[in-house]
């Protein structure tokens, strides 16, 4: 999702937002050291990420190639 705004015939200002959803993931780990009872661990990861970008552009030439 983004937008660009023309400030005058050469300069524009733009911004965009990007959303990334990373699917839930589960990992099982078993620890069995010598002489110790076996232990079981379960980890669940669920992440999402928002990225934002802004920019300033200069357009060479004028409107309609003038």
PDB file of N, CA and C in Angstrom:
ATOM      1  N   UNK A   1       0.860  -1.150   0.000  1.00  0.00           N
ATOM      2  CA  UNK A   1       0.000   0.000   0.000  1.00  0.00           C
ATOM      3  C   UNK A   1       0.914   1.223   0.000  1.00  0.00           C
ATOM      4  N   UNK A   2       0.630   2.195  -0.876  1.00  0.00           N
ATOM      5  CA  UNK A   2       1.483   3.367  -0.928  1.00  0.00           C
ATOM      6  C   UNK A   2       0.794   4.532  -1.607  1.00  0.00           C
ATOM      7  N   UNK A   3       1.448   5.667  -1.543  1.00  0.00           N
ATOM      8  CA  UNK A   3       0.921   6.879  -2.167  1.00  0.00           C
ATOM      9  C   UNK A   3       2.089   7.755  -2.598  1.00  0.00           C
ATOM     10  N   UNK A   4       1.847   8.529  -3.656  1.00  0.00           N
ATOM     11  CA  UNK A   4       2.845   9.471  -4.128  1.00  0.00           C
ATOM     12  C   UNK A   4       2.143  10.797  -4.394  1.00  0.00           C
ATOM     13  N   UNK A   5       2.752  11.881  -3.930  1.00  0.00           N
ATOM     14  CA  UNK A   5       2.171  13.215  -4.054  1.00  0.00           C
ATOM     15  C   UNK A   5       3.135  14.098  -4.836  1.00  0.00           C
ATOM     16  N   UNK A   6       2.644  14.750  -5.877  1.00  0.00           N
ATOM     17  CA  UNK A   6       3.477  15.616  -6.696  1.00  0.00           C
ATOM     18  C   UNK A   6       3.511  17.005  -6.068  1.00  0.00           C
ATOM     19  N   UNK A   7       4.703  17.446  -5.632  1.00  0.00           N
ATOM     20  CA  UNK A   7       4.866  18.751  -4.998  1.00  0.00           C
ATOM     21  C   UNK A   7       4.861  19.872  -6.045  1.00  0.00           C
ATOM     22  N   UNK A   8       5.541  19.655  -7.170  1.00  0.00           N
ATOM     23  CA  UNK A   8       5.512  20.569  -8.317  1.00  0.00           C
ATOM     24  C   UNK A   8       5.826  19.724  -9.552  1.00  0.00           C
ATOM     25  N   UNK A   9       6.192  20.345 -10.670  1.00  0.00           N
ATOM     26  CA  UNK A   9       6.360  19.558 -11.900  1.00  0.00           C
ATOM     27  C   UNK A   9       7.596  18.664 -11.876  1.00  0.00           C
ATOM     28  N   UNK A  10       8.492  18.800 -10.903  1.00  0.00           N
ATOM     29  CA  UNK A  10       9.696  17.961 -10.852  1.00  0.00           C
ATOM     30  C   UNK A  10       9.799  17.099  -9.591  1.00  0.00           C
ATOM     31  N   UNK A  11       9.290  17.543  -8.484  1.00  0.00           N
ATOM     32  CA  UNK A  11       9.493  16.848  -7.208  1.00  0.00           C
ATOM     33  C   UNK A  11       8.233  16.110  -6.765  1.00  0.00           C
ATOM     34  N   UNK A  12       8.433  14.876  -6.289  1.00  0.00           N
ATOM     35  CA  UNK A  12       7.342  14.112  -5.689  1.00  0.00           C
ATOM     36  C   UNK A  12       7.790  13.579  -4.328  1.00  0.00           C
ATOM     37  N   UNK A  13       6.828  13.331  -3.491  1.00  0.00           N
ATOM     38  CA  UNK A  13       7.042  12.754  -2.163  1.00  0.00           C
ATOM     39  C   UNK A  13       6.226  11.477  -2.112  1.00  0.00           C
ATOM     40  N   UNK A  14       6.838  10.389  -1.671  1.00  0.00           N
ATOM     41  CA  UNK A  14       6.118   9.117  -1.651  1.00  0.00           C
ATOM     42  C   UNK A  14       6.293   8.408  -0.309  1.00  0.00           C
ATOM     43  N   UNK A  15       5.351   7.549  -0.020  1.00  0.00           N
ATOM     44  CA  UNK A  15       5.406   6.719   1.175  1.00  0.00           C
ATOM     45  C   UNK A  15       4.674   5.416   0.923  1.00  0.00           C
ATOM     46  N   UNK A  16       5.123   4.369   1.584  1.00  0.00           N
ATOM     47  CA  UNK A  16       4.446   3.083   1.453  1.00  0.00           C
ATOM     48  C   UNK A  16       4.607   2.274   2.733  1.00  0.00           C
ATOM     49  N   UNK A  17       3.671   1.374   2.941  1.00  0.00           N
ATOM     50  CA  UNK A  17       3.688   0.471   4.090  1.00  0.00           C
ATOM     51  C   UNK A  17       3.557  -0.954   3.567  1.00  0.00           C
ATOM     52  N   UNK A  18       4.380  -1.852   4.091  1.00  0.00           N
ATOM     53  CA  UNK A  18       4.361  -3.251   3.688  1.00  0.00           C
ATOM     54  C   UNK A  18       4.123  -4.113   4.931  1.00  0.00           C
ATOM     55  N   UNK A  19       3.191  -5.063   4.828  1.00  0.00           N
ATOM     56  CA  UNK A  19       2.887  -5.967   5.931  1.00  0.00           C
ATOM     57  C   UNK A  19       3.317  -7.377   5.538  1.00  0.00           C
ATOM     58  N   UNK A  20       4.055  -8.051   6.427  1.00  0.00           N
ATOM     59  CA  UNK A  20       4.489  -9.427   6.202  1.00  0.00           C
ATOM     60  C   UNK A  20       4.005 -10.277   7.369  1.00  0.00           C
ATOM     61  N   UNK A  21       3.266 -11.343   7.047  1.00  0.00           N
ATOM     62  CA  UNK A  21       2.805 -12.278   8.066  1.00  0.00           C
ATOM     63  C   UNK A  21       3.563 -13.577   7.885  1.00  0.00           C
ATOM     64  N   UNK A  22       4.261 -14.011   8.925  1.00  0.00           N
ATOM     65  CA  UNK A  22       5.001 -15.263   8.897  1.00  0.00           C
ATOM     66  C   UNK A  22       4.186 -16.305   9.655  1.00  0.00           C
ATOM     67  N   UNK A  23       3.917 -17.381   8.994  1.00  0.00           N
ATOM     68  CA  UNK A  23       3.069 -18.429   9.540  1.00  0.00           C
ATOM     69  C   UNK A  23       3.606 -18.965  10.864  1.00  0.00           C
ATOM     70  N   UNK A  24       2.701 -19.408  11.725  1.00  0.00           N
ATOM     71  CA  UNK A  24       3.090 -19.953  13.027  1.00  0.00           C
ATOM     72  C   UNK A  24       3.904 -21.228  12.841  1.00  0.00           C
ATOM     73  N   UNK A  25       4.939 -21.374  13.658  1.00  0.00           N
ATOM     74  CA  UNK A  25       5.835 -22.526  13.567  1.00  0.00           C
ATOM     75  C   UNK A  25       6.085 -23.060  14.969  1.00  0.00           C
ATOM     76  N   UNK A  26       6.103 -24.384  15.118  1.00  0.00           N
ATOM     77  CA  UNK A  26       6.349 -25.026  16.415  1.00  0.00           C
ATOM     78  C   UNK A  26       7.578 -25.924  16.308  1.00  0.00           C
ATOM     79  N   UNK A  27       8.455 -25.828  17.299  1.00  0.00           N
ATOM     80  CA  UNK A  27       9.679 -26.627  17.337  1.00  0.00           C
ATOM     81  C   UNK A  27       9.728 -27.386  18.656  1.00  0.00           C
ATOM     82  N   UNK A  28      10.051 -28.671  18.573  1.00  0.00           N
ATOM     83  CA  UNK A  28      10.188 -29.507  19.767  1.00  0.00           C
ATOM     84  C   UNK A  28      11.660 -29.829  19.981  1.00  0.00           C
ATOM     85  N   UNK A  29      12.123 -29.709  21.229  1.00  0.00           N
ATOM     86  CA  UNK A  29      13.503 -30.025  21.586  1.00  0.00           C
ATOM     87  C   UNK A  29      13.482 -30.970  22.791  1.00  0.00           C
ATOM     88  N   UNK A  30      14.277 -32.041  22.707  1.00  0.00           N
ATOM     89  CA  UNK A  30      14.399 -32.986  23.822  1.00  0.00           C
ATOM     90  C   UNK A  30      15.835 -32.941  24.327  1.00  0.00           C
ATOM     91  N   UNK A  31      15.981 -32.697  25.626  1.00  0.00           N
ATOM     92  CA  UNK A  31      17.306 -32.630  26.255  1.00  0.00           C
ATOM     93  C   UNK A  31      17.486 -33.870  27.113  1.00  0.00           C
ATOM     94  N   UNK A  32      18.480 -34.672  26.769  1.00  0.00           N
ATOM     95  CA  UNK A  32      18.729 -35.881  27.567  1.00  0.00           C
ATOM     96  C   UNK A  32      20.228 -35.988  27.832  1.00  0.00           C
ATOM     97  N   UNK A  33      20.688 -35.236  28.828  1.00  0.00           N
ATOM     98  CA  UNK A  33      22.100 -35.282  29.211  1.00  0.00           C
ATOM     99  C   UNK A  33      22.400 -36.546  29.986  1.00  0.00           C
ATOM    100  N   UNK A  34      23.673 -36.916  30.075  1.00  0.00           N
ATOM    101  CA  UNK A  34      24.046 -38.142  30.808  1.00  0.00           C
ATOM    102  C   UNK A  34      23.722 -38.005  32.294  1.00  0.00           C
ATOM    103  N   UNK A  35      23.018 -38.984  32.833  1.00  0.00           N
ATOM    104  CA  UNK A  35      22.683 -39.005  34.254  1.00  0.00           C
ATOM    105  C   UNK A  35      21.505 -38.115  34.628  1.00  0.00           C
ATOM    106  N   UNK A  36      20.854 -37.514  33.653  1.00  0.00           N
ATOM    107  CA  UNK A  36      19.708 -36.642  33.931  1.00  0.00           C
ATOM    108  C   UNK A  36      18.457 -37.217  33.269  1.00  0.00           C
ATOM    109  N   UNK A  37      17.332 -36.859  33.815  1.00  0.00           N
ATOM    110  CA  UNK A  37      16.064 -37.268  33.209  1.00  0.00           C
ATOM    111  C   UNK A  37      15.859 -36.478  31.917  1.00  0.00           C
ATOM    112  N   UNK A  38      15.233 -37.095  30.973  1.00  0.00           N
ATOM    113  CA  UNK A  38      14.962 -36.450  29.683  1.00  0.00           C
ATOM    114  C   UNK A  38      13.906 -35.356  29.860  1.00  0.00           C
ATOM    115  N   UNK A  39      14.187 -34.180  29.297  1.00  0.00           N
ATOM    116  CA  UNK A  39      13.233 -33.063  29.372  1.00  0.00           C
ATOM    117  C   UNK A  39      12.811 -32.685  27.959  1.00  0.00           C
ATOM    118  N   UNK A  40      11.547 -32.328  27.842  1.00  0.00           N
ATOM    119  CA  UNK A  40      10.983 -31.993  26.540  1.00  0.00           C
ATOM    120  C   UNK A  40      10.537 -30.529  26.553  1.00  0.00           C
ATOM    121  N   UNK A  41      10.938 -29.785  25.531  1.00  0.00           N
ATOM    122  CA  UNK A  41      10.570 -28.372  25.412  1.00  0.00           C
ATOM    123  C   UNK A  41       9.842 -28.159  24.090  1.00  0.00           C
ATOM    124  N   UNK A  42       8.836 -27.322  24.101  1.00  0.00           N
ATOM    125  CA  UNK A  42       8.112 -26.961  22.883  1.00  0.00           C
ATOM    126  C   UNK A  42       8.081 -25.434  22.780  1.00  0.00           C
ATOM    127  N   UNK A  43       8.512 -24.926  21.635  1.00  0.00           N
ATOM    128  CA  UNK A  43       8.522 -23.489  21.371  1.00  0.00           C
ATOM    129  C   UNK A  43       7.625 -23.201  20.172  1.00  0.00           C
ATOM    130  N   UNK A  44       6.789 -22.182  20.299  1.00  0.00           N
ATOM    131  CA  UNK A  44       5.911 -21.759  19.202  1.00  0.00           C
ATOM    132  C   UNK A  44       6.254 -20.326  18.836  1.00  0.00           C
ATOM    133  N   UNK A  45       6.444 -20.098  17.545  1.00  0.00           N
ATOM    134  CA  UNK A  45       6.785 -18.778  17.036  1.00  0.00           C
ATOM    135  C   UNK A  45       5.676 -18.301  16.109  1.00  0.00           C
ATOM    136  N   UNK A  46       5.264 -17.077  16.276  1.00  0.00           N
ATOM    137  CA  UNK A  46       4.267 -16.466  15.400  1.00  0.00           C
ATOM    138  C   UNK A  46       4.658 -15.002  15.245  1.00  0.00           C
ATOM    139  N   UNK A  47       5.050 -14.614  14.050  1.00  0.00           N
ATOM    140  CA  UNK A  47       5.570 -13.271  13.843  1.00  0.00           C
ATOM    141  C   UNK A  47       4.863 -12.565  12.692  1.00  0.00           C
ATOM    142  N   UNK A  48       4.796 -11.256  12.807  1.00  0.00           N
ATOM    143  CA  UNK A  48       4.390 -10.410  11.693  1.00  0.00           C
ATOM    144  C   UNK A  48       5.253  -9.158  11.729  1.00  0.00           C
ATOM    145  N   UNK A  49       5.325  -8.470  10.601  1.00  0.00           N
ATOM    146  CA  UNK A  49       6.262  -7.365  10.461  1.00  0.00           C
ATOM    147  C   UNK A  49       5.644  -6.265   9.617  1.00  0.00           C
ATOM    148  N   UNK A  50       5.754  -5.036  10.076  1.00  0.00           N
ATOM    149  CA  UNK A  50       5.364  -3.854   9.301  1.00  0.00           C
ATOM    150  C   UNK A  50       6.637  -3.123   8.893  1.00  0.00           C
ATOM    151  N   UNK A  51       6.738  -2.773   7.612  1.00  0.00           N
ATOM    152  CA  UNK A  51       7.862  -1.987   7.095  1.00  0.00           C
ATOM    153  C   UNK A  51       7.304  -0.713   6.485  1.00  0.00           C
ATOM    154  N   UNK A  52       7.964   0.407   6.758  1.00  0.00           N
ATOM    155  CA  UNK A  52       7.539   1.695   6.220  1.00  0.00           C
ATOM    156  C   UNK A  52       8.683   2.308   5.431  1.00  0.00           C
ATOM    157  N   UNK A  53       8.359   2.898   4.278  1.00  0.00           N
ATOM    158  CA  UNK A  53       9.369   3.551   3.458  1.00  0.00           C
ATOM    159  C   UNK A  53       8.853   4.919   3.029  1.00  0.00           C
ATOM    160  N   UNK A  54       9.758   5.888   3.005  1.00  0.00           N
ATOM    161  CA  UNK A  54       9.430   7.207   2.485  1.00  0.00           C
ATOM    162  C   UNK A  54      10.498   7.581   1.463  1.00  0.00           C
ATOM    163  N   UNK A  55      10.146   8.444   0.532  1.00  0.00           N
ATOM    164  CA  UNK A  55      11.116   8.828  -0.481  1.00  0.00           C
ATOM    165  C   UNK A  55      10.766  10.155  -1.122  1.00  0.00           C
ATOM    166  N   UNK A  56      11.781  10.771  -1.681  1.00  0.00           N
ATOM    167  CA  UNK A  56      11.637  12.004  -2.453  1.00  0.00           C
ATOM    168  C   UNK A  56      12.206  11.705  -3.835  1.00  0.00           C
ATOM    169  N   UNK A  57      11.455  12.048  -4.874  1.00  0.00           N
ATOM    170  CA  UNK A  57      11.879  11.777  -6.244  1.00  0.00           C
ATOM    171  C   UNK A  57      12.006  13.081  -7.030  1.00  0.00           C
ATOM    172  N   UNK A  58      12.954  13.094  -7.955  1.00  0.00           N
ATOM    173  CA  UNK A  58      13.083  14.207  -8.896  1.00  0.00           C
ATOM    174  C   UNK A  58      12.816  13.660 -10.290  1.00  0.00           C
ATOM    175  N   UNK A  59      11.874  14.276 -10.998  1.00  0.00           N
ATOM    176  CA  UNK A  59      11.540  13.842 -12.355  1.00  0.00           C
ATOM    177  C   UNK A  59      12.172  14.791 -13.353  1.00  0.00           C
ATOM    178  N   UNK A  60      13.008  14.251 -14.235  1.00  0.00           N
ATOM    179  CA  UNK A  60      13.668  15.039 -15.269  1.00  0.00           C
ATOM    180  C   UNK A  60      12.657  15.382 -16.356  1.00  0.00           C
ATOM    181  N   UNK A  61      12.669  16.610 -16.882  1.00  0.00           N
ATOM    182  CA  UNK A  61      11.690  17.042 -17.866  1.00  0.00           C
ATOM    183  C   UNK A  61      10.440  17.535 -17.154  1.00  0.00           C
ATOM    184  N   UNK A  62       9.472  18.010 -17.896  1.00  0.00           N
ATOM    185  CA  UNK A  62       8.247  18.533 -17.292  1.00  0.00           C
ATOM    186  C   UNK A  62       7.086  17.613 -17.575  1.00  0.00           C
ATOM    187  N   UNK A  63       5.854  18.127 -17.432  1.00  0.00           N
ATOM    188  CA  UNK A  63       4.667  17.365 -17.734  1.00  0.00           C
ATOM    189  C   UNK A  63       4.643  17.030 -19.220  1.00  0.00           C
ATOM    190  N   UNK A  64       4.244  15.831 -19.583  1.00  0.00           N
ATOM    191  CA  UNK A  64       4.084  15.377 -20.963  1.00  0.00           C
ATOM    192  C   UNK A  64       5.374  15.482 -21.762  1.00  0.00           C
ATOM    193  N   UNK A  65       6.543  15.329 -21.114  1.00  0.00           N
ATOM    194  CA  UNK A  65       7.824  15.293 -21.797  1.00  0.00           C
ATOM    195  C   UNK A  65       8.371  16.653 -22.220  1.00  0.00           C
ATOM    196  N   UNK A  66       7.855  17.747 -21.718  1.00  0.00           N
ATOM    197  CA  UNK A  66       8.342  19.096 -22.090  1.00  0.00           C
ATOM    198  C   UNK A  66       9.565  19.434 -21.305  1.00  0.00           C
TER     199      UNK A  66
END
